[in-house]
C-alpha atoms as a PDB file:
ATOM      1  CA  MET A   1       3.956  -5.503 -20.438  1.00  0.00           C
ATOM      2  CA  ALA A   2       2.121  -4.592 -17.698  1.00  0.00           C
ATOM      3  CA  HIS A   3       1.754  -0.382 -16.843  1.00  0.00           C
ATOM      4  CA  GLN A   4       1.634   1.959 -14.261  1.00  0.00           C
ATOM      5  CA  ILE A   5      -1.784   3.493 -14.625  1.00  0.00           C
ATOM      6  CA  THR A   6      -3.184   7.157 -13.275  1.00  0.00           C
ATOM      7  CA  ILE A   7      -6.555   7.557 -13.798  1.00  0.00           C
ATOM      8  CA  VAL A   8      -7.930  11.052 -12.741  1.00  0.00           C
ATOM      9  CA  LEU A   9     -11.944  10.740 -12.373  1.00  0.00           C
ATOM     10  CA  GLY A  10     -13.268  14.594 -13.166  1.00  0.00           C
ATOM     11  CA  HIS A  11     -16.891  14.405 -12.385  1.00  0.00           C
ATOM     12  CA  PRO A  12     -17.408  17.023  -9.681  1.00  0.00           C
ATOM     13  CA  ASP A  13     -20.900  15.047  -8.513  1.00  0.00           C
ATOM     14  CA  PRO A  14     -19.753  11.760  -5.871  1.00  0.00           C
ATOM     15  CA  ASP A  15     -22.688  10.430  -6.867  1.00  0.00           C
ATOM     16  CA  GLU A  16     -22.112   6.952  -7.388  1.00  0.00           C
ATOM     17  CA  ARG A  17     -24.826   6.661 -10.315  1.00  0.00           C
ATOM     18  CA  ARG A  18     -22.462   8.517 -12.764  1.00  0.00           C
ATOM     19  CA  LEU A  19     -22.298   7.101 -15.982  1.00  0.00           C
ATOM     20  CA  CYS A  20     -18.602   8.621 -15.747  1.00  0.00           C
ATOM     21  CA  ARG A  21     -17.371   6.567 -12.353  1.00  0.00           C
ATOM     22  CA  ALA A  22     -18.753   3.226 -14.050  1.00  0.00           C
ATOM     23  CA  LEU A  23     -16.417   3.863 -17.169  1.00  0.00           C
ATOM     24  CA  ALA A  24     -13.383   5.105 -14.600  1.00  0.00           C
ATOM     25  CA  ASN A  25     -14.316   2.091 -12.647  1.00  0.00           C
ATOM     26  CA  ALA A  26     -14.287  -0.240 -16.009  1.00  0.00           C
ATOM     27  CA  TYR A  27     -11.070   0.969 -17.320  1.00  0.00           C
ATOM     28  CA  ALA A  28      -9.569   0.254 -13.607  1.00  0.00           C
ATOM     29  CA  GLU A  29     -10.837  -3.347 -13.363  1.00  0.00           C
ATOM     30  CA  GLY A  30      -9.273  -3.995 -16.848  1.00  0.00           C
ATOM     31  CA  ALA A  31      -6.000  -3.149 -16.478  1.00  0.00           C
ATOM     32  CA  ARG A  32      -5.803  -4.653 -12.371  1.00  0.00           C
ATOM     33  CA  ALA A  33      -7.163  -7.736 -14.203  1.00  0.00           C
ATOM     34  CA  ALA A  34      -4.632  -7.843 -16.616  1.00  0.00           C
ATOM     35  CA  GLY A  35      -2.286  -6.978 -14.678  1.00  0.00           C
ATOM     36  CA  HIS A  36      -1.455  -3.340 -14.712  1.00  0.00           C
ATOM     37  CA  GLU A  37      -0.890  -0.963 -11.280  1.00  0.00           C
ATOM     38  CA  VAL A  38      -3.964   1.368 -10.667  1.00  0.00           C
ATOM     39  CA  ALA A  39      -3.590   4.659  -8.728  1.00  0.00           C
ATOM     40  CA  MET A  40      -7.376   6.118  -8.989  1.00  0.00           C
ATOM     41  CA  PHE A  41      -8.060   9.467  -7.822  1.00  0.00           C
ATOM     42  CA  ASP A  42     -11.594  10.655  -7.726  1.00  0.00           C
ATOM     43  CA  LEU A  43     -11.358  14.913  -8.087  1.00  0.00           C
ATOM     44  CA  ALA A  44     -14.873  14.419  -6.268  1.00  0.00           C
ATOM     45  CA  HIS A  45     -13.605  13.754  -3.398  1.00  0.00           C
ATOM     46  CA  LEU A  46     -10.582  16.005  -2.932  1.00  0.00           C
ATOM     47  CA  GLU A  47      -9.924  19.548  -2.087  1.00  0.00           C
ATOM     48  CA  VAL A  48      -8.876  21.016  -4.995  1.00  0.00           C
ATOM     49  CA  PRO A  49      -7.702  24.979  -4.210  1.00  0.00           C
ATOM     50  CA  LEU A  50      -7.935  27.148  -7.054  1.00  0.00           C
ATOM     51  CA  LEU A  51      -4.545  28.733  -8.317  1.00  0.00           C
ATOM     52  CA  ARG A  52      -4.840  32.793  -8.127  1.00  0.00           C
ATOM     53  CA  THR A  53      -1.417  34.302  -9.325  1.00  0.00           C
ATOM     54  CA  GLN A  54       1.211  33.475 -10.758  1.00  0.00           C
ATOM     55  CA  GLN A  55       3.721  33.694  -8.589  1.00  0.00           C
ATOM     56  CA  GLU A  56       2.192  30.876  -7.264  1.00  0.00           C
ATOM     57  CA  PHE A  57       1.376  28.517 -10.116  1.00  0.00           C
ATOM     58  CA  GLU A  58       5.790  28.621 -11.045  1.00  0.00           C
ATOM     59  CA  HIS A  59       6.578  29.127  -7.086  1.00  0.00           C
ATOM     60  CA  GLY A  60       4.097  27.758  -4.910  1.00  0.00           C
ATOM     61  CA  SER A  61       4.033  23.674  -3.678  1.00  0.00           C
ATOM     62  CA  VAL A  62       1.379  21.567  -4.615  1.00  0.00           C
ATOM     63  CA  PRO A  63      -1.475  21.108  -1.511  1.00  0.00           C
ATOM     64  CA  PRO A  64      -0.916  17.890   0.373  1.00  0.00           C
ATOM     65  CA  THR A  65      -3.942  16.886  -0.834  1.00  0.00           C
ATOM     66  CA  LEU A  66      -3.210  16.268  -4.344  1.00  0.00           C
ATOM     67  CA  ARG A  67       0.657  15.071  -3.946  1.00  0.00           C
ATOM     68  CA  PRO A  68      -0.102  11.988  -4.081  1.00  0.00           C
ATOM     69  CA  ALA A  69      -1.921  12.193  -7.517  1.00  0.00           C
ATOM     70  CA  GLN A  70       0.868  14.265  -8.874  1.00  0.00           C
ATOM     71  CA  GLU A  71       3.200  11.825  -7.335  1.00  0.00           C
ATOM     72  CA  ALA A  72       1.524   8.786  -9.183  1.00  0.00           C
ATOM     73  CA  ILE A  73       1.704  10.812 -12.526  1.00  0.00           C
ATOM     74  CA  LEU A  74       4.852  11.345 -12.497  1.00  0.00           C
ATOM     75  CA  ALA A  75       5.547   7.286 -11.448  1.00  0.00           C
ATOM     76  CA  SER A  76       2.899   6.183 -14.270  1.00  0.00           C
ATOM     77  CA  GLN A  77       3.556   5.453 -18.027  1.00  0.00           C
ATOM     78  CA  HIS A  78      -0.237   6.095 -18.879  1.00  0.00           C
ATOM     79  CA  LEU A  79      -2.754   8.984 -17.543  1.00  0.00           C
ATOM     80  CA  VAL A  80      -6.498   8.316 -17.909  1.00  0.00           C
ATOM     81  CA  LEU A  81      -8.449  11.707 -17.449  1.00  0.00           C
ATOM     82  CA  VAL A  82     -12.604  10.997 -17.300  1.00  0.00           C
ATOM     83  CA  PHE A  83     -15.326  13.796 -17.306  1.00  0.00           C
ATOM     84  CA  PRO A  84     -18.214  15.310 -18.392  1.00  0.00           C
ATOM     85  CA  LEU A  85     -18.797  17.829 -21.368  1.00  0.00           C
ATOM     86  CA  TRP A  86     -19.633  20.670 -19.764  1.00  0.00           C
ATOM     87  CA  LEU A  87     -19.676  23.727 -21.668  1.00  0.00           C
ATOM     88  CA  GLY A  88     -17.610  22.221 -24.446  1.00  0.00           C
ATOM     89  CA  THR A  89     -15.048  21.094 -22.290  1.00  0.00           C
ATOM     90  CA  MET A  90     -13.464  20.029 -18.850  1.00  0.00           C
ATOM     91  CA  PRO A  91     -15.260  21.066 -15.779  1.00  0.00           C
ATOM     92  CA  ALA A  92     -13.739  23.488 -14.182  1.00  0.00           C
ATOM     93  CA  LEU A  93     -12.018  21.273 -11.296  1.00  0.00           C
ATOM     94  CA  VAL A  94     -10.583  19.364 -14.276  1.00  0.00           C
ATOM     95  CA  LYS A  95      -8.607  22.223 -15.121  1.00  0.00           C
ATOM     96  CA  ALA A  96      -7.829  23.521 -11.436  1.00  0.00           C
ATOM     97  CA  PHE A  97      -6.266  19.993 -10.393  1.00  0.00           C
ATOM     98  CA  LEU A  98      -4.214  20.109 -13.778  1.00  0.00           C
ATOM     99  CA  GLU A  99      -3.707  23.849 -13.053  1.00  0.00           C
ATOM    100  CA  GLN A 100      -2.191  22.122  -9.599  1.00  0.00           C
ATOM    101  CA  VAL A 101      -0.060  19.245 -10.126  1.00  0.00           C
ATOM    102  CA  ILE A 102       1.278  20.243 -13.992  1.00  0.00           C
ATOM    103  CA  ARG A 103       3.532  22.595 -12.876  1.00  0.00           C
ATOM    104  CA  PRO A 104       6.617  24.613 -14.086  1.00  0.00           C
ATOM    105  CA  GLY A 105       9.534  22.079 -13.132  1.00  0.00           C
ATOM    106  CA  VAL A 106       7.746  18.847 -12.739  1.00  0.00           C
ATOM    107  CA  ALA A 107       6.142  19.177 -16.041  1.00  0.00           C
ATOM    108  CA  PHE A 108       7.896  21.576 -18.378  1.00  0.00           C
ATOM    109  CA  THR A 109      11.328  23.656 -18.507  1.00  0.00           C
ATOM    110  CA  ASN A 110      10.881  27.076 -17.066  1.00  0.00           C
ATOM    111  CA  GLU A 111      13.382  28.741 -17.959  1.00  0.00           C
ATOM    112  CA  ALA A 112      14.196  32.240 -18.848  1.00  0.00           C
ATOM    113  CA  ASN A 113      14.343  33.570 -22.648  1.00  0.00           C
ATOM    114  CA  SER A 114      14.157  29.541 -24.106  1.00  0.00           C
ATOM    115  CA  PHE A 115      10.503  27.776 -24.822  1.00  0.00           C
ATOM    116  CA  PRO A 116       9.179  25.361 -22.419  1.00  0.00           C
ATOM    117  CA  LYS A 117      10.304  21.674 -22.925  1.00  0.00           C
ATOM    118  CA  GLY A 118       7.722  18.579 -21.614  1.00  0.00           C
ATOM    119  CA  LEU A 119       9.412  16.949 -18.483  1.00  0.00           C
ATOM    120  CA  LEU A 120       6.470  14.267 -18.813  1.00  0.00           C
ATOM    121  CA  SER A 121       7.157  12.181 -22.271  1.00  0.00           C
ATOM    122  CA  GLY A 122       7.233   8.274 -22.593  1.00  0.00           C
ATOM    123  CA  ARG A 123       3.974   8.821 -20.805  1.00  0.00           C
ATOM    124  CA  SER A 124       0.488   8.217 -23.398  1.00  0.00           C
ATOM    125  CA  ALA A 125      -2.996   9.349 -21.956  1.00  0.00           C
ATOM    126  CA  ARG A 126      -6.707   8.701 -22.745  1.00  0.00           C
ATOM    127  CA  VAL A 127      -9.376  11.200 -22.487  1.00  0.00           C
ATOM    128  CA  VAL A 128     -12.574  10.024 -21.663  1.00  0.00           C
ATOM    129  CA  VAL A 129     -15.307  11.850 -21.696  1.00  0.00           C
ATOM    130  CA  THR A 130     -19.253  11.907 -21.443  1.00  0.00           C
ATOM    131  CA  MET A 131     -21.538  14.170 -23.249  1.00  0.00           C
ATOM    132  CA  GLY A 132     -25.302  14.981 -23.831  1.00  0.00           C
ATOM    133  CA  MET A 133     -24.911  15.967 -27.649  1.00  0.00           C
ATOM    134  CA  PRO A 134     -24.266  13.446 -30.175  1.00  0.00           C
ATOM    135  CA  VAL A 135     -20.361  13.126 -30.390  1.00  0.00           C
ATOM    136  CA  LEU A 136     -20.653  13.803 -34.251  1.00  0.00           C
ATOM    137  CA  ALA A 137     -21.569  17.078 -33.172  1.00  0.00           C
ATOM    138  CA  TYR A 138     -19.233  17.799 -30.716  1.00  0.00           C
ATOM    139  CA  ARG A 139     -16.445  16.439 -32.988  1.00  0.00           C
ATOM    140  CA  TRP A 140     -17.891  18.415 -36.041  1.00  0.00           C
ATOM    141  CA  TRP A 141     -19.870  21.813 -35.729  1.00  0.00           C
ATOM    142  CA  PHE A 142     -18.597  22.568 -32.155  1.00  0.00           C
ATOM    143  CA  MET A 143     -14.832  20.798 -33.594  1.00  0.00           C
ATOM    144  CA  GLY A 144     -14.059  19.944 -30.343  1.00  0.00           C
ATOM    145  CA  HIS A 145     -12.525  23.098 -29.224  1.00  0.00           C
ATOM    146  CA  GLY A 146     -12.455  22.584 -25.630  1.00  0.00           C
ATOM    147  CA  LEU A 147     -11.104  19.431 -25.928  1.00  0.00           C
ATOM    148  CA  LYS A 148      -8.204  20.041 -28.565  1.00  0.00           C
ATOM    149  CA  ALA A 149      -6.870  22.959 -25.793  1.00  0.00           C
ATOM    150  CA  LEU A 150      -6.724  20.373 -23.423  1.00  0.00           C
ATOM    151  CA  GLU A 151      -4.728  18.066 -25.732  1.00  0.00           C
ATOM    152  CA  ARG A 152      -2.373  20.330 -27.371  1.00  0.00           C
ATOM    153  CA  SER A 153      -2.182  23.220 -24.377  1.00  0.00           C
ATOM    154  CA  ILE A 154      -1.113  21.181 -21.499  1.00  0.00           C
ATOM    155  CA  LEU A 155      -0.930  17.336 -22.320  1.00  0.00           C
ATOM    156  CA  ARG A 156       1.175  17.365 -25.465  1.00  0.00           C
ATOM    157  CA  PHE A 157       2.833  20.681 -23.909  1.00  0.00           C
ATOM    158  CA  ALA A 158       3.665  18.522 -21.090  1.00  0.00           C
ATOM    159  CA  GLY A 159       5.559  15.859 -23.215  1.00  0.00           C
ATOM    160  CA  ILE A 160       2.463  13.380 -23.120  1.00  0.00           C
ATOM    161  CA  ARG A 161       1.468  11.379 -26.215  1.00  0.00           C
ATOM    162  CA  PRO A 162       0.341   9.818 -27.832  1.00  0.00           C
ATOM    163  CA  ILE A 163      -3.339  10.965 -26.539  1.00  0.00           C
ATOM    164  CA  ARG A 164      -6.077   8.790 -27.408  1.00  0.00           C
ATOM    165  CA  GLU A 165      -9.846   9.865 -27.020  1.00  0.00           C
ATOM    166  CA  SER A 166     -13.060   8.041 -26.003  1.00  0.00           C
ATOM    167  CA  PHE A 167     -16.094   9.958 -26.486  1.00  0.00           C
ATOM    168  CA  PHE A 168     -19.670   8.853 -25.228  1.00  0.00           C
ATOM    169  CA  GLY A 169     -22.787  10.717 -26.832  1.00  0.00           C
ATOM    170  CA  MET A 170     -26.305  11.198 -25.781  1.00  0.00           C
ATOM    171  CA  VAL A 171     -25.794   9.472 -22.528  1.00  0.00           C
ATOM    172  CA  GLU A 172     -29.321  10.357 -21.057  1.00  0.00           C
ATOM    173  CA  ALA A 173     -31.302   8.366 -23.594  1.00  0.00           C
ATOM    174  CA  ALA A 174     -28.724   5.813 -23.905  1.00  0.00           C
ATOM    175  CA  SER A 175     -30.004   2.276 -22.890  1.00  0.00           C
ATOM    176  CA  ASP A 176     -29.127  -0.095 -20.961  1.00  0.00           C
ATOM    177  CA  ALA A 177     -27.780  -2.419 -23.434  1.00  0.00           C
ATOM    178  CA  LYS A 178     -25.513   0.266 -24.782  1.00  0.00           C
ATOM    179  CA  ARG A 179     -24.105   1.282 -21.371  1.00  0.00           C
ATOM    180  CA  LYS A 180     -23.238  -2.415 -21.043  1.00  0.00           C
ATOM    181  CA  GLY A 181     -21.035  -2.212 -24.045  1.00  0.00           C
ATOM    182  CA  TRP A 182     -19.312   1.297 -23.594  1.00  0.00           C
ATOM    183  CA  LEU A 183     -18.797  -0.107 -20.081  1.00  0.00           C
ATOM    184  CA  ALA A 184     -16.919  -3.563 -21.689  1.00  0.00           C
ATOM    185  CA  GLN A 185     -15.087  -1.026 -24.129  1.00  0.00           C
ATOM    186  CA  MET A 186     -13.504   0.574 -21.436  1.00  0.00           C
ATOM    187  CA  ARG A 187     -12.366  -2.573 -19.503  1.00  0.00           C
ATOM    188  CA  GLY A 188     -10.578  -3.608 -23.034  1.00  0.00           C
ATOM    189  CA  LEU A 189      -9.277  -0.698 -23.305  1.00  0.00           C
ATOM    190  CA  GLY A 190      -8.031  -0.837 -19.258  1.00  0.00           C
ATOM    191  CA  ALA A 191      -6.244  -4.640 -20.015  1.00  0.00           C
ATOM    192  CA  LYS A 192      -4.307  -3.695 -23.029  1.00  0.00           C
ATOM    193  CA  GLY A 193      -3.457  -0.126 -20.831  1.00  0.00           C
ATOM    194  CA  ILE A 194      -4.299   2.282 -23.844  1.00  0.00           C
END
């Protein structure tokens, strides 16, 4: 069954040679070849302003540059976030983007005297992360805290589940053959829409 898929490429560097860009493109290729509808947003080429007040977060409007991304997320069944691990978590640009598009009234309820309820149920997600360290070191030594916060406090909070992960470690040392394998893996995941 074909899905609508939204891919958010969150590497702040617009350099076309970035592995994150290649992974996002490979996922999109696989998805499109399998008949899925894909919308892709490259944050390196979008203006993503910072939110500075609770008032702005709760009652402000999404900037026009980000409205198409928010609409695509609302229309899709699957969200793919691709970014490098920076200081143990997502780059600030990705967090700023999520704060803009995952808002009260859109992604979760914000009623007085009640715990918020996620409004994005029925959607799944994949978090794709590149890192300079071995994946096992991040998972076991650092316990993946930065990404657990993204999954629990943003995606699951908004009702998105299941959330799957694809981690790629030691990327600077990876051989061409290993990188080709990673791209093939992403094409396969895109074809399945997961």
